[in-house]
C-alpha atoms as a PDB file:
ATOM      1  CA  MET A   1     -19.021  21.163 -11.176  1.00  0.00           C
ATOM      2  CA  LEU A   2     -19.780  17.448 -11.599  1.00  0.00           C
ATOM      3  CA  PRO A   3     -20.915  17.616 -15.286  1.00  0.00           C
ATOM      4  CA  GLY A   4     -17.713  19.445 -16.180  1.00  0.00           C
ATOM      5  CA  LEU A   5     -15.674  16.858 -14.303  1.00  0.00           C
ATOM      6  CA  LEU A   6     -17.208  14.008 -16.310  1.00  0.00           C
ATOM      7  CA  MET A   7     -16.044  15.688 -19.517  1.00  0.00           C
ATOM      8  CA  VAL A   8     -12.395  15.580 -18.404  1.00  0.00           C
ATOM      9  CA  LEU A   9     -12.518  12.183 -16.711  1.00  0.00           C
ATOM     10  CA  HIS A  10     -10.060  10.772 -19.268  1.00  0.00           C
ATOM     11  CA  ARG A  11      -7.410  13.243 -18.019  1.00  0.00           C
ATOM     12  CA  ILE A  12      -8.580  13.709 -14.450  1.00  0.00           C
ATOM     13  CA  TYR A  13      -5.106  13.877 -12.861  1.00  0.00           C
ATOM     14  CA  ASP A  14      -3.757  16.490 -15.277  1.00  0.00           C
ATOM     15  CA  PHE A  15      -6.990  18.447 -14.946  1.00  0.00           C
ATOM     16  CA  THR A  16      -6.741  18.415 -11.139  1.00  0.00           C
ATOM     17  CA  VAL A  17      -3.162  19.711 -11.289  1.00  0.00           C
ATOM     18  CA  GLU A  18      -4.168  22.502 -13.682  1.00  0.00           C
ATOM     19  CA  LEU A  19      -7.107  23.450 -11.478  1.00  0.00           C
ATOM     20  CA  LEU A  20      -4.919  23.577  -8.365  1.00  0.00           C
ATOM     21  CA  GLU A  21      -2.320  25.700 -10.150  1.00  0.00           C
ATOM     22  CA  ASN A  22      -4.983  28.164 -11.278  1.00  0.00           C
ATOM     23  CA  SER A  23      -6.675  28.387  -7.860  1.00  0.00           C
ATOM     24  CA  ASN A  24      -3.659  29.051  -5.645  1.00  0.00           C
ATOM     25  CA  LEU A  25      -3.345  25.348  -4.662  1.00  0.00           C
ATOM     26  CA  THR A  26      -6.812  25.108  -3.054  1.00  0.00           C
ATOM     27  CA  PHE A  27     -10.319  24.897  -4.503  1.00  0.00           C
ATOM     28  CA  GLN A  28     -13.843  23.976  -3.409  1.00  0.00           C
ATOM     29  CA  PHE A  29     -15.493  21.076  -5.248  1.00  0.00           C
ATOM     30  CA  LYS A  30     -19.302  21.241  -5.411  1.00  0.00           C
ATOM     31  CA  GLY A  31     -21.226  18.040  -6.066  1.00  0.00           C
ATOM     32  CA  PRO A  32     -24.943  17.614  -6.771  1.00  0.00           C
ATOM     33  CA  LEU A  33     -27.352  18.780  -4.078  1.00  0.00           C
ATOM     34  CA  LEU A  34     -27.683  16.314  -1.159  1.00  0.00           C
ATOM     35  CA  SER A  35     -25.095  13.991  -2.718  1.00  0.00           C
ATOM     36  CA  GLY A  36     -22.568  14.532   0.070  1.00  0.00           C
ATOM     37  CA  MET A  37     -19.853  15.109  -2.539  1.00  0.00           C
ATOM     38  CA  ASP A  38     -18.883  18.659  -1.520  1.00  0.00           C
ATOM     39  CA  MET A  39     -15.224  18.797  -0.534  1.00  0.00           C
ATOM     40  CA  LEU A  40     -12.230  21.078  -0.264  1.00  0.00           C
ATOM     41  CA  VAL A  41      -9.207  20.017  -2.329  1.00  0.00           C
ATOM     42  CA  THR A  42      -5.806  21.389  -1.336  1.00  0.00           C
ATOM     43  CA  VAL A  43      -2.102  20.834  -1.882  1.00  0.00           C
ATOM     44  CA  ASP A  44      -1.060  24.027  -0.119  1.00  0.00           C
ATOM     45  CA  PRO A  45       1.908  23.056   2.121  1.00  0.00           C
ATOM     46  CA  ALA A  46       0.748  25.438   4.853  1.00  0.00           C
ATOM     47  CA  ASN A  47      -2.727  23.871   4.899  1.00  0.00           C
ATOM     48  CA  ILE A  48      -1.334  20.342   4.912  1.00  0.00           C
ATOM     49  CA  HIS A  49       1.054  21.066   7.788  1.00  0.00           C
ATOM     50  CA  TYR A  50      -1.734  22.760   9.715  1.00  0.00           C
ATOM     51  CA  MET A  51      -4.175  19.847   9.354  1.00  0.00           C
ATOM     52  CA  LEU A  52      -1.712  16.995   9.817  1.00  0.00           C
ATOM     53  CA  SER A  53       0.479  18.557  12.491  1.00  0.00           C
ATOM     54  CA  SER A  54      -0.338  21.930  14.071  1.00  0.00           C
ATOM     55  CA  ASN A  55      -4.075  21.305  14.518  1.00  0.00           C
ATOM     56  CA  PHE A  56      -4.038  17.531  14.113  1.00  0.00           C
ATOM     57  CA  LEU A  57      -6.761  16.836  16.704  1.00  0.00           C
ATOM     58  CA  ASN A  58      -9.363  18.796  14.717  1.00  0.00           C
ATOM     59  CA  TYR A  59      -8.958  16.668  11.586  1.00  0.00           C
ATOM     60  CA  ASN A  60      -9.711  12.958  11.497  1.00  0.00           C
ATOM     61  CA  LYS A  61     -10.810  10.347   8.969  1.00  0.00           C
ATOM     62  CA  GLY A  62     -14.502  10.916   9.628  1.00  0.00           C
ATOM     63  CA  PRO A  63     -17.379   8.408   9.974  1.00  0.00           C
ATOM     64  CA  GLU A  64     -17.919   7.998   6.221  1.00  0.00           C
ATOM     65  CA  PHE A  65     -14.306   6.955   5.636  1.00  0.00           C
ATOM     66  CA  LYS A  66     -14.513   4.375   8.423  1.00  0.00           C
ATOM     67  CA  GLU A  67     -17.755   2.999   7.004  1.00  0.00           C
ATOM     68  CA  ILE A  68     -16.257   2.600   3.534  1.00  0.00           C
ATOM     69  CA  PHE A  69     -13.169   0.816   4.884  1.00  0.00           C
ATOM     70  CA  ASP A  70     -14.951  -1.067   7.651  1.00  0.00           C
ATOM     71  CA  VAL A  71     -13.378  -4.344   6.501  1.00  0.00           C
ATOM     72  CA  PHE A  72     -10.010  -3.074   7.787  1.00  0.00           C
ATOM     73  CA  LYS A  73     -11.404  -2.481  11.286  1.00  0.00           C
ATOM     74  CA  ASP A  74      -8.886  -0.720  13.553  1.00  0.00           C
ATOM     75  CA  VAL A  75      -5.710  -0.892  11.470  1.00  0.00           C
ATOM     76  CA  ILE A  76      -3.490   2.178  11.699  1.00  0.00           C
ATOM     77  CA  PHE A  77      -4.669   3.967   8.541  1.00  0.00           C
ATOM     78  CA  ASN A  78      -8.318   3.588   9.540  1.00  0.00           C
ATOM     79  CA  VAL A  79      -8.256   5.164  13.027  1.00  0.00           C
ATOM     80  CA  ASP A  80      -7.657   8.550  14.645  1.00  0.00           C
ATOM     81  CA  ALA A  81      -6.439  10.266  17.796  1.00  0.00           C
ATOM     82  CA  GLU A  82      -5.369   8.041  20.702  1.00  0.00           C
ATOM     83  CA  LEU A  83      -6.189   4.789  18.915  1.00  0.00           C
ATOM     84  CA  TRP A  84      -3.997   5.884  15.981  1.00  0.00           C
ATOM     85  CA  TYR A  85      -1.171   6.787  18.368  1.00  0.00           C
ATOM     86  CA  ASN A  86      -1.400   3.425  20.135  1.00  0.00           C
ATOM     87  CA  SER A  87      -1.512   1.554  16.819  1.00  0.00           C
ATOM     88  CA  ARG A  88       1.528   3.463  15.616  1.00  0.00           C
ATOM     89  CA  LYS A  89       3.496   2.672  18.768  1.00  0.00           C
ATOM     90  CA  ALA A  90       2.569  -1.008  18.498  1.00  0.00           C
ATOM     91  CA  ALA A  91       3.557  -1.116  14.819  1.00  0.00           C
ATOM     92  CA  GLU A  92       6.877   0.600  15.544  1.00  0.00           C
ATOM     93  CA  GLY A  93       7.611  -1.935  18.268  1.00  0.00           C
ATOM     94  CA  ILE A  94       7.024  -4.822  15.880  1.00  0.00           C
ATOM     95  CA  LEU A  95       8.914  -3.325  12.934  1.00  0.00           C
ATOM     96  CA  ARG A  96      11.953  -2.499  15.071  1.00  0.00           C
ATOM     97  CA  HIS A  97      12.127  -5.947  16.656  1.00  0.00           C
ATOM     98  CA  GLN A  98      15.136  -7.878  15.358  1.00  0.00           C
ATOM     99  CA  GLY A  99      13.149 -11.104  15.254  1.00  0.00           C
ATOM    100  CA  PHE A 100      10.531  -9.539  12.976  1.00  0.00           C
ATOM    101  CA  ALA A 101      13.242  -8.061  10.755  1.00  0.00           C
ATOM    102  CA  ARG A 102      14.880 -11.475  10.360  1.00  0.00           C
ATOM    103  CA  LEU A 103      11.526 -13.116   9.643  1.00  0.00           C
ATOM    104  CA  SER A 104      10.652 -10.434   7.091  1.00  0.00           C
ATOM    105  CA  VAL A 105      13.970 -10.863   5.255  1.00  0.00           C
ATOM    106  CA  SER A 106      13.667 -14.651   5.342  1.00  0.00           C
ATOM    107  CA  ALA A 107      10.051 -14.673   4.108  1.00  0.00           C
ATOM    108  CA  THR A 108      10.768 -12.193   1.322  1.00  0.00           C
ATOM    109  CA  ARG A 109      13.901 -14.028   0.174  1.00  0.00           C
ATOM    110  CA  SER A 110      12.046 -17.356   0.150  1.00  0.00           C
ATOM    111  CA  LYS A 111       9.115 -15.946  -1.815  1.00  0.00           C
ATOM    112  CA  LEU A 112      11.459 -14.308  -4.323  1.00  0.00           C
ATOM    113  CA  LYS A 113      13.429 -17.515  -4.852  1.00  0.00           C
ATOM    114  CA  ASN A 114      10.565 -20.013  -4.844  1.00  0.00           C
ATOM    115  CA  GLY A 115       7.723 -17.860  -6.125  1.00  0.00           C
ATOM    116  CA  LEU A 116       8.429 -14.656  -8.038  1.00  0.00           C
ATOM    117  CA  VAL A 117      11.542 -15.640 -10.019  1.00  0.00           C
ATOM    118  CA  PRO A 118      10.165 -19.043 -11.174  1.00  0.00           C
ATOM    119  CA  VAL A 119       6.944 -17.342 -12.324  1.00  0.00           C
ATOM    120  CA  PHE A 120       8.882 -14.715 -14.293  1.00  0.00           C
ATOM    121  CA  ASP A 121      11.116 -17.398 -15.838  1.00  0.00           C
ATOM    122  CA  HIS A 122       8.134 -19.549 -16.830  1.00  0.00           C
ATOM    123  CA  PHE A 123       6.190 -16.726 -18.484  1.00  0.00           C
ATOM    124  CA  ALA A 124       9.327 -15.481 -20.278  1.00  0.00           C
ATOM    125  CA  LYS A 125      10.177 -18.933 -21.683  1.00  0.00           C
ATOM    126  CA  GLU A 126       6.587 -19.527 -22.788  1.00  0.00           C
ATOM    127  CA  GLY A 127       6.305 -16.038 -24.300  1.00  0.00           C
ATOM    128  CA  MET A 128       3.104 -15.424 -22.354  1.00  0.00           C
ATOM    129  CA  VAL A 129       1.566 -12.107 -21.280  1.00  0.00           C
ATOM    130  CA  LEU A 130       2.015 -11.449 -17.565  1.00  0.00           C
ATOM    131  CA  ASN A 131      -0.275  -9.334 -15.382  1.00  0.00           C
ATOM    132  CA  PHE A 132       2.280  -7.625 -13.133  1.00  0.00           C
ATOM    133  CA  GLN A 133      -0.319  -6.209 -10.765  1.00  0.00           C
ATOM    134  CA  ASP A 134      -1.818  -9.645 -10.151  1.00  0.00           C
ATOM    135  CA  VAL A 135       1.635 -11.179  -9.642  1.00  0.00           C
ATOM    136  CA  PHE A 136       2.752  -8.529  -7.147  1.00  0.00           C
ATOM    137  CA  ARG A 137      -0.551  -8.738  -5.261  1.00  0.00           C
ATOM    138  CA  ARG A 138      -0.011 -12.473  -4.870  1.00  0.00           C
ATOM    139  CA  PHE A 139       3.581 -11.829  -3.794  1.00  0.00           C
ATOM    140  CA  THR A 140       2.610  -9.350  -1.069  1.00  0.00           C
ATOM    141  CA  PHE A 141      -0.393 -11.452  -0.018  1.00  0.00           C
ATOM    142  CA  ASP A 142       1.722 -14.587   0.491  1.00  0.00           C
ATOM    143  CA  THR A 143       4.478 -12.685   2.286  1.00  0.00           C
ATOM    144  CA  SER A 144       1.974 -10.926   4.563  1.00  0.00           C
ATOM    145  CA  MET A 145       0.279 -14.208   5.459  1.00  0.00           C
ATOM    146  CA  VAL A 146       3.656 -15.749   6.351  1.00  0.00           C
ATOM    147  CA  LEU A 147       4.457 -12.798   8.629  1.00  0.00           C
ATOM    148  CA  ILE A 148       1.000 -12.796  10.237  1.00  0.00           C
ATOM    149  CA  THR A 149       0.184 -16.496  10.517  1.00  0.00           C
ATOM    150  CA  GLY A 150       3.422 -18.357   9.800  1.00  0.00           C
ATOM    151  CA  SER A 151       1.761 -20.221   6.897  1.00  0.00           C
ATOM    152  CA  ASP A 152       2.232 -19.681   3.165  1.00  0.00           C
ATOM    153  CA  PRO A 153      -0.963 -19.937   1.032  1.00  0.00           C
ATOM    154  CA  THR A 154       1.287 -20.241  -2.088  1.00  0.00           C
ATOM    155  CA  SER A 155      -1.010 -18.174  -4.275  1.00  0.00           C
ATOM    156  CA  LEU A 156       2.082 -17.104  -6.254  1.00  0.00           C
ATOM    157  CA  SER A 157       3.072 -20.079  -8.370  1.00  0.00           C
ATOM    158  CA  ILE A 158       3.331 -21.006 -12.034  1.00  0.00           C
ATOM    159  CA  ASP A 159      -0.275 -22.245 -12.247  1.00  0.00           C
ATOM    160  CA  MET A 160      -1.562 -19.062 -10.511  1.00  0.00           C
ATOM    161  CA  PRO A 161      -4.206 -20.684  -8.258  1.00  0.00           C
ATOM    162  CA  GLU A 162      -7.122 -18.586  -7.047  1.00  0.00           C
ATOM    163  CA  ASN A 163      -8.143 -19.360  -3.491  1.00  0.00           C
ATOM    164  CA  GLU A 164     -11.426 -18.366  -1.871  1.00  0.00           C
ATOM    165  CA  LEU A 165     -10.015 -15.365  -0.007  1.00  0.00           C
ATOM    166  CA  GLN A 166      -8.349 -13.844  -3.064  1.00  0.00           C
ATOM    167  CA  ARG A 167     -11.435 -14.341  -5.201  1.00  0.00           C
ATOM    168  CA  TRP A 168     -13.555 -12.328  -2.749  1.00  0.00           C
ATOM    169  CA  MET A 169     -10.882  -9.716  -2.052  1.00  0.00           C
ATOM    170  CA  GLY A 170     -10.762  -8.958  -5.778  1.00  0.00           C
ATOM    171  CA  LEU A 171     -14.390  -7.894  -5.793  1.00  0.00           C
ATOM    172  CA  GLY A 172     -15.294  -4.335  -4.930  1.00  0.00           C
ATOM    173  CA  ILE A 173     -19.097  -4.571  -5.010  1.00  0.00           C
ATOM    174  CA  GLU A 174     -20.491  -3.127  -1.791  1.00  0.00           C
ATOM    175  CA  LYS A 175     -23.184  -5.783  -1.268  1.00  0.00           C
ATOM    176  CA  LYS A 176     -20.501  -8.475  -1.128  1.00  0.00           C
ATOM    177  CA  MET A 177     -18.224  -6.729   1.361  1.00  0.00           C
ATOM    178  CA  LEU A 178     -19.772  -8.374   4.424  1.00  0.00           C
ATOM    179  CA  GLU A 179     -19.357 -11.803   2.853  1.00  0.00           C
ATOM    180  CA  ALA A 180     -15.766 -10.945   1.953  1.00  0.00           C
ATOM    181  CA  ASP A 181     -15.184  -9.786   5.532  1.00  0.00           C
ATOM    182  CA  ASP A 182     -16.439 -13.111   6.922  1.00  0.00           C
ATOM    183  CA  ILE A 183     -14.291 -15.111   4.507  1.00  0.00           C
ATOM    184  CA  PHE A 184     -11.246 -13.009   5.336  1.00  0.00           C
ATOM    185  CA  TYR A 185     -11.479 -13.712   9.049  1.00  0.00           C
ATOM    186  CA  CYS A 186     -12.326 -17.373   8.442  1.00  0.00           C
ATOM    187  CA  VAL A 187      -9.186 -17.863   6.355  1.00  0.00           C
ATOM    188  CA  CYS A 188      -7.002 -15.943   8.827  1.00  0.00           C
ATOM    189  CA  ALA A 189      -8.461 -17.936  11.727  1.00  0.00           C
ATOM    190  CA  LYS A 190      -7.694 -21.191   9.925  1.00  0.00           C
ATOM    191  CA  TYR A 191      -4.041 -20.284   9.380  1.00  0.00           C
ATOM    192  CA  ILE A 192      -3.595 -18.894  12.891  1.00  0.00           C
ATOM    193  CA  SER A 193      -5.204 -21.969  14.479  1.00  0.00           C
ATOM    194  CA  ALA A 194      -2.971 -24.266  12.449  1.00  0.00           C
ATOM    195  CA  LYS A 195       0.117 -22.335  13.526  1.00  0.00           C
ATOM    196  CA  ARG A 196      -0.930 -22.366  17.184  1.00  0.00           C
ATOM    197  CA  GLU A 197      -1.409 -26.132  17.017  1.00  0.00           C
ATOM    198  CA  GLU A 198       2.040 -26.488  15.455  1.00  0.00           C
ATOM    199  CA  VAL A 199       3.565 -24.385  18.228  1.00  0.00           C
ATOM    200  CA  ARG A 200       1.660 -26.351  20.890  1.00  0.00           C
ATOM    201  CA  LEU A 201       2.937 -29.664  19.536  1.00  0.00           C
ATOM    202  CA  GLN A 202       6.465 -28.311  19.625  1.00  0.00           C
ATOM    203  CA  GLY A 203       5.996 -27.505  23.305  1.00  0.00           C
ATOM    204  CA  ILE A 204       6.464 -23.759  22.920  1.00  0.00           C
ATOM    205  CA  ASN A 205       4.116 -21.735  25.090  1.00  0.00           C
ATOM    206  CA  HIS A 206       3.919 -18.614  22.927  1.00  0.00           C
ATOM    207  CA  GLN A 207       0.869 -17.088  21.348  1.00  0.00           C
ATOM    208  CA  SER A 208       0.991 -16.672  17.598  1.00  0.00           C
ATOM    209  CA  PRO A 209       0.542 -13.085  16.457  1.00  0.00           C
ATOM    210  CA  SER A 210      -2.664 -12.108  14.763  1.00  0.00           C
ATOM    211  CA  GLY A 211      -3.449  -9.114  12.614  1.00  0.00           C
ATOM    212  CA  GLU A 212      -4.781  -7.789   9.356  1.00  0.00           C
ATOM    213  CA  ALA A 213      -3.528  -8.795   5.924  1.00  0.00           C
ATOM    214  CA  GLY A 214      -1.083  -6.448   4.240  1.00  0.00           C
ATOM    215  CA  ARG A 215      -2.448  -3.754   2.020  1.00  0.00           C
ATOM    216  CA  ASP A 216      -1.772  -3.899  -1.700  1.00  0.00           C
ATOM    217  CA  THR A 217       0.093  -0.575  -1.726  1.00  0.00           C
ATOM    218  CA  ILE A 218       3.358  -2.507  -2.177  1.00  0.00           C
ATOM    219  CA  ALA A 219       1.893  -4.332  -5.166  1.00  0.00           C
ATOM    220  CA  SER A 220       0.745  -1.033  -6.664  1.00  0.00           C
ATOM    221  CA  ALA A 221       4.151   0.598  -6.138  1.00  0.00           C
ATOM    222  CA  LEU A 222       6.000  -2.335  -7.725  1.00  0.00           C
ATOM    223  CA  THR A 223       3.609  -2.462 -10.688  1.00  0.00           C
ATOM    224  CA  TRP A 224       4.104   1.215 -11.502  1.00  0.00           C
ATOM    225  CA  PHE A 225       7.861   0.914 -10.935  1.00  0.00           C
ATOM    226  CA  PHE A 226       8.283  -1.930 -13.423  1.00  0.00           C
ATOM    227  CA  TRP A 227       6.032  -0.191 -15.925  1.00  0.00           C
ATOM    228  CA  ILE A 228       8.191   2.940 -15.750  1.00  0.00           C
ATOM    229  CA  LEU A 229      11.309   0.802 -16.223  1.00  0.00           C
ATOM    230  CA  SER A 230       9.749  -0.809 -19.303  1.00  0.00           C
ATOM    231  CA  GLU A 231       9.248   2.687 -20.729  1.00  0.00           C
ATOM    232  CA  ASN A 232      12.791   3.829 -19.816  1.00  0.00           C
ATOM    233  CA  PRO A 233      15.428   1.291 -20.947  1.00  0.00           C
ATOM    234  CA  ASN A 234      18.253   3.677 -19.989  1.00  0.00           C
ATOM    235  CA  GLY A 235      17.079   3.606 -16.377  1.00  0.00           C
ATOM    236  CA  THR A 236      16.914  -0.190 -16.455  1.00  0.00           C
ATOM    237  CA  ALA A 237      20.472  -0.344 -17.803  1.00  0.00           C
ATOM    238  CA  LYS A 238      21.750   1.930 -15.014  1.00  0.00           C
ATOM    239  CA  ILE A 239      20.101  -0.233 -12.352  1.00  0.00           C
ATOM    240  CA  ARG A 240      21.725  -3.331 -13.848  1.00  0.00           C
ATOM    241  CA  GLN A 241      25.108  -1.602 -13.852  1.00  0.00           C
ATOM    242  CA  GLU A 242      24.650  -0.669 -10.205  1.00  0.00           C
ATOM    243  CA  ILE A 243      23.709  -4.253  -9.304  1.00  0.00           C
ATOM    244  CA  ASN A 244      26.766  -5.650 -11.107  1.00  0.00           C
ATOM    245  CA  LYS A 245      28.991  -3.128  -9.354  1.00  0.00           C
ATOM    246  CA  ASN A 246      27.693  -3.476  -5.802  1.00  0.00           C
ATOM    247  CA  MET A 247      26.218  -6.944  -5.366  1.00  0.00           C
ATOM    248  CA  PRO A 248      28.669  -9.535  -3.957  1.00  0.00           C
ATOM    249  CA  LYS A 249      30.028 -12.310  -6.164  1.00  0.00           C
ATOM    250  CA  SER A 250      30.374 -15.980  -5.339  1.00  0.00           C
ATOM    251  CA  LYS A 251      33.652 -17.868  -5.757  1.00  0.00           C
ATOM    252  CA  THR A 252      32.551 -18.912  -9.247  1.00  0.00           C
ATOM    253  CA  GLY A 253      31.960 -15.300 -10.215  1.00  0.00           C
ATOM    254  CA  GLN A 254      28.181 -15.637 -10.208  1.00  0.00           C
ATOM    255  CA  GLU A 255      25.977 -13.012  -8.577  1.00  0.00           C
ATOM    256  CA  LYS A 256      24.649 -14.004  -5.166  1.00  0.00           C
ATOM    257  CA  SER A 257      21.097 -13.094  -4.261  1.00  0.00           C
ATOM    258  CA  SER A 258      21.217 -10.843  -1.212  1.00  0.00           C
ATOM    259  CA  LEU A 259      18.758  -8.997   0.957  1.00  0.00           C
ATOM    260  CA  ASP A 260      21.344  -7.733   3.424  1.00  0.00           C
ATOM    261  CA  PRO A 261      20.323  -4.109   4.146  1.00  0.00           C
ATOM    262  CA  ASN A 262      23.983  -3.096   4.318  1.00  0.00           C
ATOM    263  CA  GLU A 263      24.450  -4.242   0.726  1.00  0.00           C
ATOM    264  CA  LEU A 264      21.127  -2.927  -0.552  1.00  0.00           C
ATOM    265  CA  ASN A 265      21.942   0.504   0.895  1.00  0.00           C
ATOM    266  CA  LYS A 266      24.623   0.823  -1.784  1.00  0.00           C
ATOM    267  CA  MET A 267      21.941   0.848  -4.477  1.00  0.00           C
ATOM    268  CA  VAL A 268      21.623   4.631  -4.678  1.00  0.00           C
ATOM    269  CA  TYR A 269      20.216   4.805  -8.221  1.00  0.00           C
ATOM    270  CA  LEU A 270      17.713   2.016  -7.516  1.00  0.00           C
ATOM    271  CA  TYR A 271      16.423   3.826  -4.419  1.00  0.00           C
ATOM    272  CA  GLY A 272      16.183   7.084  -6.358  1.00  0.00           C
ATOM    273  CA  ALA A 273      14.267   5.432  -9.201  1.00  0.00           C
ATOM    274  CA  LEU A 274      11.849   3.763  -6.783  1.00  0.00           C
ATOM    275  CA  TYR A 275      11.218   6.995  -4.861  1.00  0.00           C
ATOM    276  CA  GLU A 276      10.650   8.902  -8.107  1.00  0.00           C
ATOM    277  CA  SER A 277       8.212   6.225  -9.270  1.00  0.00           C
ATOM    278  CA  MET A 278       6.220   6.570  -6.036  1.00  0.00           C
ATOM    279  CA  ARG A 279       6.291  10.360  -6.350  1.00  0.00           C
ATOM    280  CA  LEU A 280       4.800  10.189  -9.842  1.00  0.00           C
ATOM    281  CA  TYR A 281       2.390   7.351  -9.086  1.00  0.00           C
ATOM    282  CA  PRO A 282       1.720   7.172  -5.317  1.00  0.00           C
ATOM    283  CA  PRO A 283       0.351   3.807  -4.116  1.00  0.00           C
ATOM    284  CA  ALA A 284      -2.068   5.818  -1.934  1.00  0.00           C
ATOM    285  CA  PRO A 285      -3.052   8.668  -4.314  1.00  0.00           C
ATOM    286  CA  PHE A 286      -4.692  10.966  -1.765  1.00  0.00           C
ATOM    287  CA  GLU A 287      -5.085  11.735   1.937  1.00  0.00           C
ATOM    288  CA  HIS A 288      -8.563  12.233   3.371  1.00  0.00           C
ATOM    289  CA  ALA A 289      -9.500  14.416   6.329  1.00  0.00           C
ATOM    290  CA  CYS A 290     -12.715  15.521   7.998  1.00  0.00           C
ATOM    291  CA  ALA A 291     -13.008  18.598  10.213  1.00  0.00           C
ATOM    292  CA  VAL A 292     -14.311  17.983  13.738  1.00  0.00           C
ATOM    293  CA  ASN A 293     -15.087  21.665  14.413  1.00  0.00           C
ATOM    294  CA  LYS A 294     -15.318  24.847  12.354  1.00  0.00           C
ATOM    295  CA  ASP A 295     -11.938  26.208  11.375  1.00  0.00           C
ATOM    296  CA  VAL A 296     -10.053  28.554   9.062  1.00  0.00           C
ATOM    297  CA  LEU A 297      -7.064  27.203   7.147  1.00  0.00           C
ATOM    298  CA  PRO A 298      -3.845  29.206   6.646  1.00  0.00           C
ATOM    299  CA  SER A 299      -5.013  29.839   3.062  1.00  0.00           C
ATOM    300  CA  ARG A 300      -8.034  31.624   4.643  1.00  0.00           C
ATOM    301  CA  HIS A 301     -10.485  29.020   3.382  1.00  0.00           C
ATOM    302  CA  LYS A 302     -13.297  28.419   5.868  1.00  0.00           C
ATOM    303  CA  VAL A 303     -13.999  24.846   6.923  1.00  0.00           C
ATOM    304  CA  ASP A 304     -17.301  23.776   8.493  1.00  0.00           C
ATOM    305  CA  ALA A 305     -17.652  20.895  10.941  1.00  0.00           C
ATOM    306  CA  ASN A 306     -17.768  17.521   9.143  1.00  0.00           C
ATOM    307  CA  SER A 307     -16.393  19.078   5.961  1.00  0.00           C
ATOM    308  CA  LYS A 308     -14.451  16.698   3.723  1.00  0.00           C
ATOM    309  CA  ILE A 309     -10.942  17.659   2.721  1.00  0.00           C
ATOM    310  CA  ILE A 310      -8.898  15.872   0.058  1.00  0.00           C
ATOM    311  CA  ILE A 311      -5.122  16.158  -0.263  1.00  0.00           C
ATOM    312  CA  PRO A 312      -4.083  14.747  -3.674  1.00  0.00           C
ATOM    313  CA  LEU A 313      -0.676  13.083  -3.672  1.00  0.00           C
ATOM    314  CA  THR A 314      -0.447  12.443  -7.403  1.00  0.00           C
ATOM    315  CA  ARG A 315       1.925  14.306  -9.667  1.00  0.00           C
END
């Protein structure tokens, strides 16, 4: 099947959809002998519910997935079973904490005002080409570092500096992953140590939180969203109308920047456009599973132990 796949590589997503439609939503992909590329591909709702809910314990990420994404260690999307459950509970506790919510709003507002908007203004005035994906990666990287370490690396600025961590994170060559891993933890340790020293000098006996840097799924989602808007001026106009209608005005009649959830919840069309963008171009384009034991899916497809299963999430 691999030679045929190479011939349609230029339209791989459309080809996958056509293949799924013609095979009752599930098909077996056969790679070259001993390549380890054999996998079952399915978008059958019954199969998905069975693997991710009804028989959840029999389907995990698998050792190969963990090896590929070893740099992320034990973050929630890289673990299974009890460790996944514990990570989820810990993440929920943090995300629901009012202090974290206030910090998140404050950090995002500050980065929008002092980072993203000035960069957009500068590139627009100079008539320069702007790499949206790079800009949004810098935006999410800076915001994540503020939330994790309390320090802003200011990678998002008009001169677009490239620090050591970003330079290595942008490389996907396997032989450099260990070096990138070391640099990642070195940079995080530096910021965390600096924040702890700041807290110590202020006489506050609290430990600074530590954790992994944010994924670039937000950057991917924003990049696709703005691209879709550039291709659909009518949608852009409707979003602007909704902003003018619902965003509060200052005494001078000027729009006030706001990240108040109660005000943003009024942006029905904006939410709909963003959700539709993520449906068409998911930041995480597929879900991966590996069978622990032999099984039979609701579609009657047999699954051997250690079999790879791919659930495409693209349109």
